[in-house]
Amino acid sequence: MHNLLQLGILLAGVAAIAMALHAVERASSRVVSHHFGWRGVLVTGWLGVPLHELAHLVTAKLFGHRIVGVAFFDPDPSTGTLGYVRHAHSKRTVWQLVGNAVIGVAPLVFGGIAVAALLAWMVGPHELRRLLTPPPRALHDLADLRLVASDAVAMAWRLLQAIWKHRTWWLPLQVYLGICVASHCTPSDADMEGAWAGGLVVAVAALAGVAFAAALGMRATAPTGVLVLMTVIAVMTSAFQGLWAAIAAGSQQFETR
């Protein structure tokens, strides 16, 4: 029961982070699209979309998929398509189902890495490592996820203060690049549609692993440090997205004056 609870805490935390990022990006995109129209996509898409599609391409190749077509940045206003990686596999095996799941969520991983690299540029690698060292914590039930959220918010606040403290003349460019990456790092609806079956396979495999560990008398512990770091990166990503939405909304007010 302990191992199952720890797995539930981990999966619930990851799912909450993914859903929150998806919701923030969709809300931000609606605001930007309303005020900037198609121009808002072009302003950020030149960088964010190729990174998104590169994540699909790399992971598709890792899982041995056949690449049918690639467009890193090919905006089409009539369909809303910004880019694509079309891939296929010959047999519907468990490995390929897992591959589809990884391919689908890969932009989130690549985007998180890019945001972390940008933060390292903004505050310095050593300072970032210090700021992103989570406190040791053991979780006993799902309600304790609020402690993960509390740790992450406190760390994100300290990180924002450090960004301001270490700011240089590069800050406007750094913020702009962060907006470009954050605006296109979450999986699309099509990505998620192709990933759900593989995600189910991963969840079943994890459940089987937990049950096997319990049978051997091994006690698992949810990696709270990983959850905290994921949450901090998600908070910073959402901050970039929220800033872009605020800029879009504020630009219309400025034009009407």
C-alpha atoms as a PDB file:
ATOM      1  CA  MET A   1       0.000   0.000   0.000  1.00  0.00           C
ATOM      2  CA  HIS A   2       2.876   2.372   0.795  1.00  0.00           C
ATOM      3  CA  ASN A   3       4.467   1.868  -2.628  1.00  0.00           C
ATOM      4  CA  LEU A   4       1.139   2.337  -4.392  1.00  0.00           C
ATOM      5  CA  LEU A   5       0.578   5.588  -2.511  1.00  0.00           C
ATOM      6  CA  GLN A   6       4.022   6.874  -3.470  1.00  0.00           C
ATOM      7  CA  LEU A   7       3.350   6.055  -7.123  1.00  0.00           C
ATOM      8  CA  GLY A   8       0.007   7.832  -6.885  1.00  0.00           C
ATOM      9  CA  ILE A   9       1.670  10.919  -5.426  1.00  0.00           C
ATOM     10  CA  LEU A  10       4.234  10.976  -8.243  1.00  0.00           C
ATOM     11  CA  LEU A  11       1.681  10.466 -11.023  1.00  0.00           C
ATOM     12  CA  ALA A  12      -0.739  12.983  -9.505  1.00  0.00           C
ATOM     13  CA  GLY A  13       2.021  15.581  -9.223  1.00  0.00           C
ATOM     14  CA  VAL A  14       3.206  15.096 -12.810  1.00  0.00           C
ATOM     15  CA  ALA A  15      -0.383  15.148 -14.122  1.00  0.00           C
ATOM     16  CA  ALA A  16      -1.170  18.347 -12.197  1.00  0.00           C
ATOM     17  CA  ILE A  17       1.932  20.076 -13.595  1.00  0.00           C
ATOM     18  CA  ALA A  18       1.131  19.020 -17.166  1.00  0.00           C
ATOM     19  CA  MET A  19      -2.529  20.075 -16.931  1.00  0.00           C
ATOM     20  CA  ALA A  20      -1.646  23.421 -15.366  1.00  0.00           C
ATOM     21  CA  LEU A  21       0.920  24.181 -18.082  1.00  0.00           C
ATOM     22  CA  HIS A  22      -1.548  23.202 -20.782  1.00  0.00           C
ATOM     23  CA  ALA A  23      -4.265  25.410 -19.308  1.00  0.00           C
ATOM     24  CA  VAL A  24      -1.950  28.418 -18.897  1.00  0.00           C
ATOM     25  CA  GLU A  25      -0.642  28.156 -22.453  1.00  0.00           C
ATOM     26  CA  ARG A  26      -4.135  27.844 -23.924  1.00  0.00           C
ATOM     27  CA  ALA A  27      -5.367  30.845 -21.929  1.00  0.00           C
ATOM     28  CA  SER A  28      -2.321  32.905 -22.879  1.00  0.00           C
ATOM     29  CA  SER A  29      -2.676  31.921 -26.545  1.00  0.00           C
ATOM     30  CA  ARG A  30      -6.303  33.040 -26.579  1.00  0.00           C
ATOM     31  CA  VAL A  31      -5.388  36.448 -25.163  1.00  0.00           C
ATOM     32  CA  VAL A  32      -2.481  36.924 -27.577  1.00  0.00           C
ATOM     33  CA  SER A  33      -4.542  35.751 -30.553  1.00  0.00           C
ATOM     34  CA  HIS A  34      -7.382  38.085 -29.599  1.00  0.00           C
ATOM     35  CA  HIS A  35      -5.148  41.166 -29.428  1.00  0.00           C
ATOM     36  CA  PHE A  36      -2.393  40.394 -31.954  1.00  0.00           C
ATOM     37  CA  GLY A  37      -4.086  37.912 -34.254  1.00  0.00           C
ATOM     38  CA  TRP A  38      -1.793  35.781 -36.414  1.00  0.00           C
ATOM     39  CA  ARG A  39       1.090  38.203 -35.796  1.00  0.00           C
ATOM     40  CA  GLY A  40       1.346  37.038 -32.204  1.00  0.00           C
ATOM     41  CA  VAL A  41       2.133  33.508 -33.361  1.00  0.00           C
ATOM     42  CA  LEU A  42       4.782  34.693 -35.802  1.00  0.00           C
ATOM     43  CA  VAL A  43       6.524  36.823 -33.179  1.00  0.00           C
ATOM     44  CA  THR A  44       7.192  33.804 -30.952  1.00  0.00           C
ATOM     45  CA  GLY A  45       6.833  30.883 -33.330  1.00  0.00           C
ATOM     46  CA  TRP A  46      10.067  31.361 -35.257  1.00  0.00           C
ATOM     47  CA  LEU A  47      11.938  29.903 -32.255  1.00  0.00           C
ATOM     48  CA  GLY A  48       9.338  28.057 -30.184  1.00  0.00           C
ATOM     49  CA  VAL A  49       7.832  26.011 -33.019  1.00  0.00           C
ATOM     50  CA  PRO A  50      11.145  24.631 -34.414  1.00  0.00           C
ATOM     51  CA  LEU A  51      12.142  23.615 -30.870  1.00  0.00           C
ATOM     52  CA  HIS A  52       8.759  21.919 -30.436  1.00  0.00           C
ATOM     53  CA  GLU A  53       9.095  20.015 -33.713  1.00  0.00           C
ATOM     54  CA  LEU A  54      12.758  19.169 -33.084  1.00  0.00           C
ATOM     55  CA  ALA A  55      11.683  17.442 -29.867  1.00  0.00           C
ATOM     56  CA  HIS A  56       9.226  15.304 -31.857  1.00  0.00           C
ATOM     57  CA  LEU A  57      11.835  14.539 -34.516  1.00  0.00           C
ATOM     58  CA  VAL A  58      14.607  13.493 -32.112  1.00  0.00           C
ATOM     59  CA  THR A  59      12.393  11.220 -30.021  1.00  0.00           C
ATOM     60  CA  ALA A  60      10.724   9.719 -33.109  1.00  0.00           C
ATOM     61  CA  LYS A  61      14.147   8.740 -34.427  1.00  0.00           C
ATOM     62  CA  LEU A  62      15.158   7.359 -31.028  1.00  0.00           C
ATOM     63  CA  PHE A  63      12.182   5.003 -31.149  1.00  0.00           C
ATOM     64  CA  GLY A  64      12.949   3.942 -34.706  1.00  0.00           C
ATOM     65  CA  HIS A  65       9.996   5.628 -36.373  1.00  0.00           C
ATOM     66  CA  ARG A  66      10.047   6.322 -40.087  1.00  0.00           C
ATOM     67  CA  ILE A  67       9.986  10.087 -40.730  1.00  0.00           C
ATOM     68  CA  VAL A  68       7.423  10.869 -43.422  1.00  0.00           C
ATOM     69  CA  GLY A  69       7.653  14.646 -43.444  1.00  0.00           C
ATOM     70  CA  VAL A  70       9.062  17.535 -41.437  1.00  0.00           C
ATOM     71  CA  ALA A  71       8.330  21.257 -41.382  1.00  0.00           C
ATOM     72  CA  PHE A  72      10.040  23.076 -38.528  1.00  0.00           C
ATOM     73  CA  PHE A  73       8.165  26.326 -39.165  1.00  0.00           C
ATOM     74  CA  ASP A  74       5.509  26.488 -41.852  1.00  0.00           C
ATOM     75  CA  PRO A  75       2.638  28.665 -40.571  1.00  0.00           C
ATOM     76  CA  ASP A  76      -0.677  28.182 -42.318  1.00  0.00           C
ATOM     77  CA  PRO A  77      -3.373  30.656 -41.191  1.00  0.00           C
ATOM     78  CA  SER A  78      -6.124  28.641 -42.873  1.00  0.00           C
ATOM     79  CA  THR A  79      -5.502  25.518 -40.762  1.00  0.00           C
ATOM     80  CA  GLY A  80      -3.640  26.996 -37.786  1.00  0.00           C
ATOM     81  CA  THR A  81      -0.742  24.617 -38.414  1.00  0.00           C
ATOM     82  CA  LEU A  82       2.653  26.041 -37.447  1.00  0.00           C
ATOM     83  CA  GLY A  83       4.878  23.044 -38.130  1.00  0.00           C
ATOM     84  CA  TYR A  84       4.774  19.277 -38.099  1.00  0.00           C
ATOM     85  CA  VAL A  85       6.697  16.022 -37.871  1.00  0.00           C
ATOM     86  CA  ARG A  86       4.884  13.162 -39.574  1.00  0.00           C
ATOM     87  CA  HIS A  87       6.156   9.755 -38.528  1.00  0.00           C
ATOM     88  CA  ALA A  88       5.056   6.151 -38.792  1.00  0.00           C
ATOM     89  CA  HIS A  89       5.967   2.680 -37.557  1.00  0.00           C
ATOM     90  CA  SER A  90       5.282  -0.682 -39.118  1.00  0.00           C
ATOM     91  CA  LYS A  91       3.920  -2.604 -36.112  1.00  0.00           C
ATOM     92  CA  ARG A  92       1.773  -1.530 -33.163  1.00  0.00           C
ATOM     93  CA  THR A  93       4.016  -2.971 -30.452  1.00  0.00           C
ATOM     94  CA  VAL A  94       4.212  -2.007 -26.799  1.00  0.00           C
ATOM     95  CA  TRP A  95       7.565  -0.344 -27.516  1.00  0.00           C
ATOM     96  CA  GLN A  96       6.009   1.808 -30.240  1.00  0.00           C
ATOM     97  CA  LEU A  97       3.056   2.710 -28.028  1.00  0.00           C
ATOM     98  CA  VAL A  98       5.482   3.913 -25.361  1.00  0.00           C
ATOM     99  CA  GLY A  99       7.377   5.707 -28.117  1.00  0.00           C
ATOM    100  CA  ASN A 100       4.236   7.582 -29.160  1.00  0.00           C
ATOM    101  CA  ALA A 101       3.775   8.732 -25.563  1.00  0.00           C
ATOM    102  CA  VAL A 102       7.361   9.968 -25.302  1.00  0.00           C
ATOM    103  CA  ILE A 103       7.179  11.638 -28.720  1.00  0.00           C
ATOM    104  CA  GLY A 104       3.960  13.384 -27.712  1.00  0.00           C
ATOM    105  CA  VAL A 105       5.294  14.900 -24.480  1.00  0.00           C
ATOM    106  CA  ALA A 106       8.842  15.517 -25.765  1.00  0.00           C
ATOM    107  CA  PRO A 107       8.239  19.261 -26.453  1.00  0.00           C
ATOM    108  CA  LEU A 108       7.493  19.697 -22.752  1.00  0.00           C
ATOM    109  CA  VAL A 109      10.834  18.119 -21.831  1.00  0.00           C
ATOM    110  CA  PHE A 110      12.822  20.037 -24.451  1.00  0.00           C
ATOM    111  CA  GLY A 111      11.050  23.265 -23.501  1.00  0.00           C
ATOM    112  CA  GLY A 112      11.820  22.721 -19.821  1.00  0.00           C
ATOM    113  CA  ILE A 113      15.491  22.146 -20.618  1.00  0.00           C
ATOM    114  CA  ALA A 114      15.569  25.284 -22.760  1.00  0.00           C
ATOM    115  CA  VAL A 115      13.958  27.364 -19.999  1.00  0.00           C
ATOM    116  CA  ALA A 116      16.443  25.971 -17.461  1.00  0.00           C
ATOM    117  CA  ALA A 117      19.345  26.857 -19.778  1.00  0.00           C
ATOM    118  CA  LEU A 118      17.950  30.362 -20.178  1.00  0.00           C
ATOM    119  CA  LEU A 119      17.633  30.758 -16.396  1.00  0.00           C
ATOM    120  CA  ALA A 120      21.258  29.622 -16.044  1.00  0.00           C
ATOM    121  CA  TRP A 121      22.235  32.417 -18.439  1.00  0.00           C
ATOM    122  CA  MET A 122      20.190  34.939 -16.459  1.00  0.00           C
ATOM    123  CA  VAL A 123      21.511  34.165 -12.955  1.00  0.00           C
ATOM    124  CA  GLY A 124      24.585  32.007 -13.602  1.00  0.00           C
ATOM    125  CA  PRO A 125      24.831  28.183 -13.418  1.00  0.00           C
ATOM    126  CA  HIS A 126      26.152  28.045  -9.836  1.00  0.00           C
ATOM    127  CA  GLU A 127      23.502  30.421  -8.512  1.00  0.00           C
ATOM    128  CA  LEU A 128      20.789  28.511 -10.366  1.00  0.00           C
ATOM    129  CA  ARG A 129      21.973  25.223  -8.878  1.00  0.00           C
ATOM    130  CA  ARG A 130      21.843  26.760  -5.402  1.00  0.00           C
ATOM    131  CA  LEU A 131      18.390  28.221  -5.946  1.00  0.00           C
ATOM    132  CA  LEU A 132      17.004  24.983  -7.358  1.00  0.00           C
ATOM    133  CA  THR A 133      18.149  22.751  -4.517  1.00  0.00           C
ATOM    134  CA  PRO A 134      14.868  21.606  -2.945  1.00  0.00           C
ATOM    135  CA  PRO A 135      14.548  20.936   0.784  1.00  0.00           C
ATOM    136  CA  PRO A 136      14.451  17.250   1.778  1.00  0.00           C
ATOM    137  CA  ARG A 137      10.880  16.203   2.317  1.00  0.00           C
ATOM    138  CA  ALA A 138       8.948  12.955   2.673  1.00  0.00           C
ATOM    139  CA  LEU A 139       5.351  12.793   1.464  1.00  0.00           C
ATOM    140  CA  HIS A 140       2.832  10.571   3.192  1.00  0.00           C
ATOM    141  CA  ASP A 141      -0.376  11.239   1.289  1.00  0.00           C
ATOM    142  CA  LEU A 142      -1.725  13.145  -1.716  1.00  0.00           C
ATOM    143  CA  ALA A 143      -2.580  16.143   0.458  1.00  0.00           C
ATOM    144  CA  ASP A 144       1.154  16.610   1.034  1.00  0.00           C
ATOM    145  CA  LEU A 145       1.514  17.684  -2.602  1.00  0.00           C
ATOM    146  CA  ARG A 146       0.639  21.136  -1.314  1.00  0.00           C
ATOM    147  CA  LEU A 147       4.050  21.089   0.379  1.00  0.00           C
ATOM    148  CA  VAL A 148       5.675  20.464  -3.003  1.00  0.00           C
ATOM    149  CA  ALA A 149       3.714  23.382  -4.430  1.00  0.00           C
ATOM    150  CA  SER A 150       4.692  25.607  -1.499  1.00  0.00           C
ATOM    151  CA  ASP A 151       8.381  24.746  -1.884  1.00  0.00           C
ATOM    152  CA  ALA A 152       8.205  25.382  -5.630  1.00  0.00           C
ATOM    153  CA  VAL A 153       6.495  28.764  -5.287  1.00  0.00           C
ATOM    154  CA  ALA A 154       9.055  29.888  -2.693  1.00  0.00           C
ATOM    155  CA  MET A 155      11.923  28.763  -4.911  1.00  0.00           C
ATOM    156  CA  ALA A 156      10.397  30.443  -7.970  1.00  0.00           C
ATOM    157  CA  TRP A 157      10.036  33.697  -6.033  1.00  0.00           C
ATOM    158  CA  ARG A 158      13.684  33.568  -4.961  1.00  0.00           C
ATOM    159  CA  LEU A 159      14.610  32.830  -8.562  1.00  0.00           C
ATOM    160  CA  LEU A 160      12.714  35.887  -9.808  1.00  0.00           C
ATOM    161  CA  GLN A 161      14.489  38.021  -7.222  1.00  0.00           C
ATOM    162  CA  ALA A 162      17.839  36.597  -8.358  1.00  0.00           C
ATOM    163  CA  ILE A 163      17.007  37.357 -12.002  1.00  0.00           C
ATOM    164  CA  TRP A 164      16.390  40.978 -11.100  1.00  0.00           C
ATOM    165  CA  LYS A 165      19.491  41.145  -8.927  1.00  0.00           C
ATOM    166  CA  HIS A 166      21.729  39.703 -11.667  1.00  0.00           C
ATOM    167  CA  ARG A 167      20.036  41.546 -14.530  1.00  0.00           C
ATOM    168  CA  THR A 168      22.147  42.900 -17.381  1.00  0.00           C
ATOM    169  CA  TRP A 169      21.429  44.689 -20.611  1.00  0.00           C
ATOM    170  CA  TRP A 170      20.614  41.251 -22.013  1.00  0.00           C
ATOM    171  CA  LEU A 171      17.482  41.011 -19.848  1.00  0.00           C
ATOM    172  CA  PRO A 172      14.952  42.151 -22.522  1.00  0.00           C
ATOM    173  CA  LEU A 173      16.372  39.627 -24.997  1.00  0.00           C
ATOM    174  CA  GLN A 174      16.393  36.884 -22.348  1.00  0.00           C
ATOM    175  CA  VAL A 175      12.769  37.544 -21.450  1.00  0.00           C
ATOM    176  CA  TYR A 176      11.790  37.575 -25.130  1.00  0.00           C
ATOM    177  CA  LEU A 177      13.514  34.244 -25.761  1.00  0.00           C
ATOM    178  CA  GLY A 178      11.784  32.825 -22.680  1.00  0.00           C
ATOM    179  CA  ILE A 179       8.435  33.938 -24.076  1.00  0.00           C
ATOM    180  CA  CYS A 180       9.219  32.328 -27.449  1.00  0.00           C
ATOM    181  CA  VAL A 181      10.079  28.979 -25.872  1.00  0.00           C
ATOM    182  CA  ALA A 182       7.293  28.988 -23.274  1.00  0.00           C
ATOM    183  CA  SER A 183       4.597  29.888 -25.800  1.00  0.00           C
ATOM    184  CA  HIS A 184       5.057  26.654 -27.758  1.00  0.00           C
ATOM    185  CA  CYS A 185       6.449  24.053 -25.357  1.00  0.00           C
ATOM    186  CA  THR A 186       3.305  22.193 -24.337  1.00  0.00           C
ATOM    187  CA  PRO A 187       2.016  19.268 -26.409  1.00  0.00           C
ATOM    188  CA  SER A 188      -0.764  20.039 -28.845  1.00  0.00           C
ATOM    189  CA  ASP A 189      -4.117  18.293 -28.752  1.00  0.00           C
ATOM    190  CA  ALA A 190      -2.930  16.050 -31.610  1.00  0.00           C
ATOM    191  CA  ASP A 191       0.222  15.204 -29.630  1.00  0.00           C
ATOM    192  CA  MET A 192      -1.820  14.179 -26.605  1.00  0.00           C
ATOM    193  CA  GLU A 193      -4.245  12.166 -28.714  1.00  0.00           C
ATOM    194  CA  GLY A 194      -1.358  10.073 -30.013  1.00  0.00           C
ATOM    195  CA  ALA A 195       0.263   9.741 -26.591  1.00  0.00           C
ATOM    196  CA  TRP A 196      -2.577   8.573 -24.337  1.00  0.00           C
ATOM    197  CA  ALA A 197      -2.331   4.853 -25.189  1.00  0.00           C
ATOM    198  CA  GLY A 198       1.408   4.787 -24.558  1.00  0.00           C
ATOM    199  CA  GLY A 199       0.908   6.737 -21.360  1.00  0.00           C
ATOM    200  CA  LEU A 200      -1.515   4.078 -20.189  1.00  0.00           C
ATOM    201  CA  VAL A 201       1.084   1.380 -20.924  1.00  0.00           C
ATOM    202  CA  VAL A 202       3.694   3.303 -18.902  1.00  0.00           C
ATOM    203  CA  ALA A 203       1.263   3.688 -15.986  1.00  0.00           C
ATOM    204  CA  VAL A 204       0.444  -0.043 -16.002  1.00  0.00           C
ATOM    205  CA  ALA A 205       4.155  -0.914 -16.158  1.00  0.00           C
ATOM    206  CA  ALA A 206       4.874   1.423 -13.246  1.00  0.00           C
ATOM    207  CA  LEU A 207       2.042  -0.148 -11.264  1.00  0.00           C
ATOM    208  CA  ALA A 208       3.441  -3.610 -11.938  1.00  0.00           C
ATOM    209  CA  GLY A 209       6.911  -2.466 -10.884  1.00  0.00           C
ATOM    210  CA  VAL A 210       5.575  -1.036  -7.646  1.00  0.00           C
ATOM    211  CA  ALA A 211       3.675  -4.249  -6.898  1.00  0.00           C
ATOM    212  CA  PHE A 212       6.786  -6.324  -7.594  1.00  0.00           C
ATOM    213  CA  ALA A 213       8.905  -4.104  -5.319  1.00  0.00           C
ATOM    214  CA  ALA A 214       6.325  -4.422  -2.564  1.00  0.00           C
ATOM    215  CA  ALA A 215       6.362  -8.214  -2.936  1.00  0.00           C
ATOM    216  CA  LEU A 216      10.128  -8.136  -2.361  1.00  0.00           C
ATOM    217  CA  GLY A 217       9.673  -5.996   0.738  1.00  0.00           C
ATOM    218  CA  MET A 218      11.125  -2.855  -0.892  1.00  0.00           C
ATOM    219  CA  ARG A 219       9.707   0.531   0.073  1.00  0.00           C
ATOM    220  CA  ALA A 220       9.538   3.139  -2.681  1.00  0.00           C
ATOM    221  CA  THR A 221       9.698   6.881  -2.073  1.00  0.00           C
ATOM    222  CA  ALA A 222       8.282   9.486  -4.428  1.00  0.00           C
ATOM    223  CA  PRO A 223      11.088  11.699  -5.794  1.00  0.00           C
ATOM    224  CA  THR A 224       9.817  14.922  -4.262  1.00  0.00           C
ATOM    225  CA  GLY A 225      12.920  16.818  -5.338  1.00  0.00           C
ATOM    226  CA  VAL A 226      12.144  16.057  -8.979  1.00  0.00           C
ATOM    227  CA  LEU A 227       8.535  17.153  -8.503  1.00  0.00           C
ATOM    228  CA  VAL A 228       9.660  20.432  -6.946  1.00  0.00           C
ATOM    229  CA  LEU A 229      12.099  21.152  -9.781  1.00  0.00           C
ATOM    230  CA  MET A 230       9.471  20.315 -12.386  1.00  0.00           C
ATOM    231  CA  THR A 231       7.028  22.636 -10.640  1.00  0.00           C
ATOM    232  CA  VAL A 232       9.550  25.492 -10.480  1.00  0.00           C
ATOM    233  CA  ILE A 233      10.286  25.211 -14.209  1.00  0.00           C
ATOM    234  CA  ALA A 234       6.532  25.054 -14.866  1.00  0.00           C
ATOM    235  CA  VAL A 235       5.977  28.189 -12.761  1.00  0.00           C
ATOM    236  CA  MET A 236       8.715  30.070 -14.637  1.00  0.00           C
ATOM    237  CA  THR A 237       7.334  28.868 -17.968  1.00  0.00           C
ATOM    238  CA  SER A 238       3.867  30.042 -16.962  1.00  0.00           C
ATOM    239  CA  ALA A 239       5.352  33.387 -15.891  1.00  0.00           C
ATOM    240  CA  PHE A 240       6.768  33.904 -19.389  1.00  0.00           C
ATOM    241  CA  GLN A 241       3.426  32.966 -20.924  1.00  0.00           C
ATOM    242  CA  GLY A 242       1.531  35.259 -18.568  1.00  0.00           C
ATOM    243  CA  LEU A 243       3.888  38.132 -19.342  1.00  0.00           C
ATOM    244  CA  TRP A 244       3.307  37.694 -23.061  1.00  0.00           C
ATOM    245  CA  ALA A 245      -0.466  37.717 -22.520  1.00  0.00           C
ATOM    246  CA  ALA A 246      -0.147  40.870 -20.387  1.00  0.00           C
ATOM    247  CA  ILE A 247       1.925  42.570 -23.091  1.00  0.00           C
ATOM    248  CA  ALA A 248      -0.693  41.668 -25.690  1.00  0.00           C
ATOM    249  CA  ALA A 249      -3.549  42.977 -23.551  1.00  0.00           C
ATOM    250  CA  GLY A 250      -1.640  46.116 -22.600  1.00  0.00           C
ATOM    251  CA  SER A 251      -0.719  46.926 -26.193  1.00  0.00           C
ATOM    252  CA  GLN A 252      -4.352  47.395 -27.164  1.00  0.00           C
ATOM    253  CA  GLN A 253      -4.947  49.736 -24.238  1.00  0.00           C
ATOM    254  CA  PHE A 254      -1.886  51.718 -25.313  1.00  0.00           C
ATOM    255  CA  GLU A 255      -3.170  51.950 -28.911  1.00  0.00           C
ATOM    256  CA  THR A 256      -6.585  53.256 -27.800  1.00  0.00           C
ATOM    257  CA  ARG A 257      -5.090  56.186 -25.899  1.00  0.00           C
END
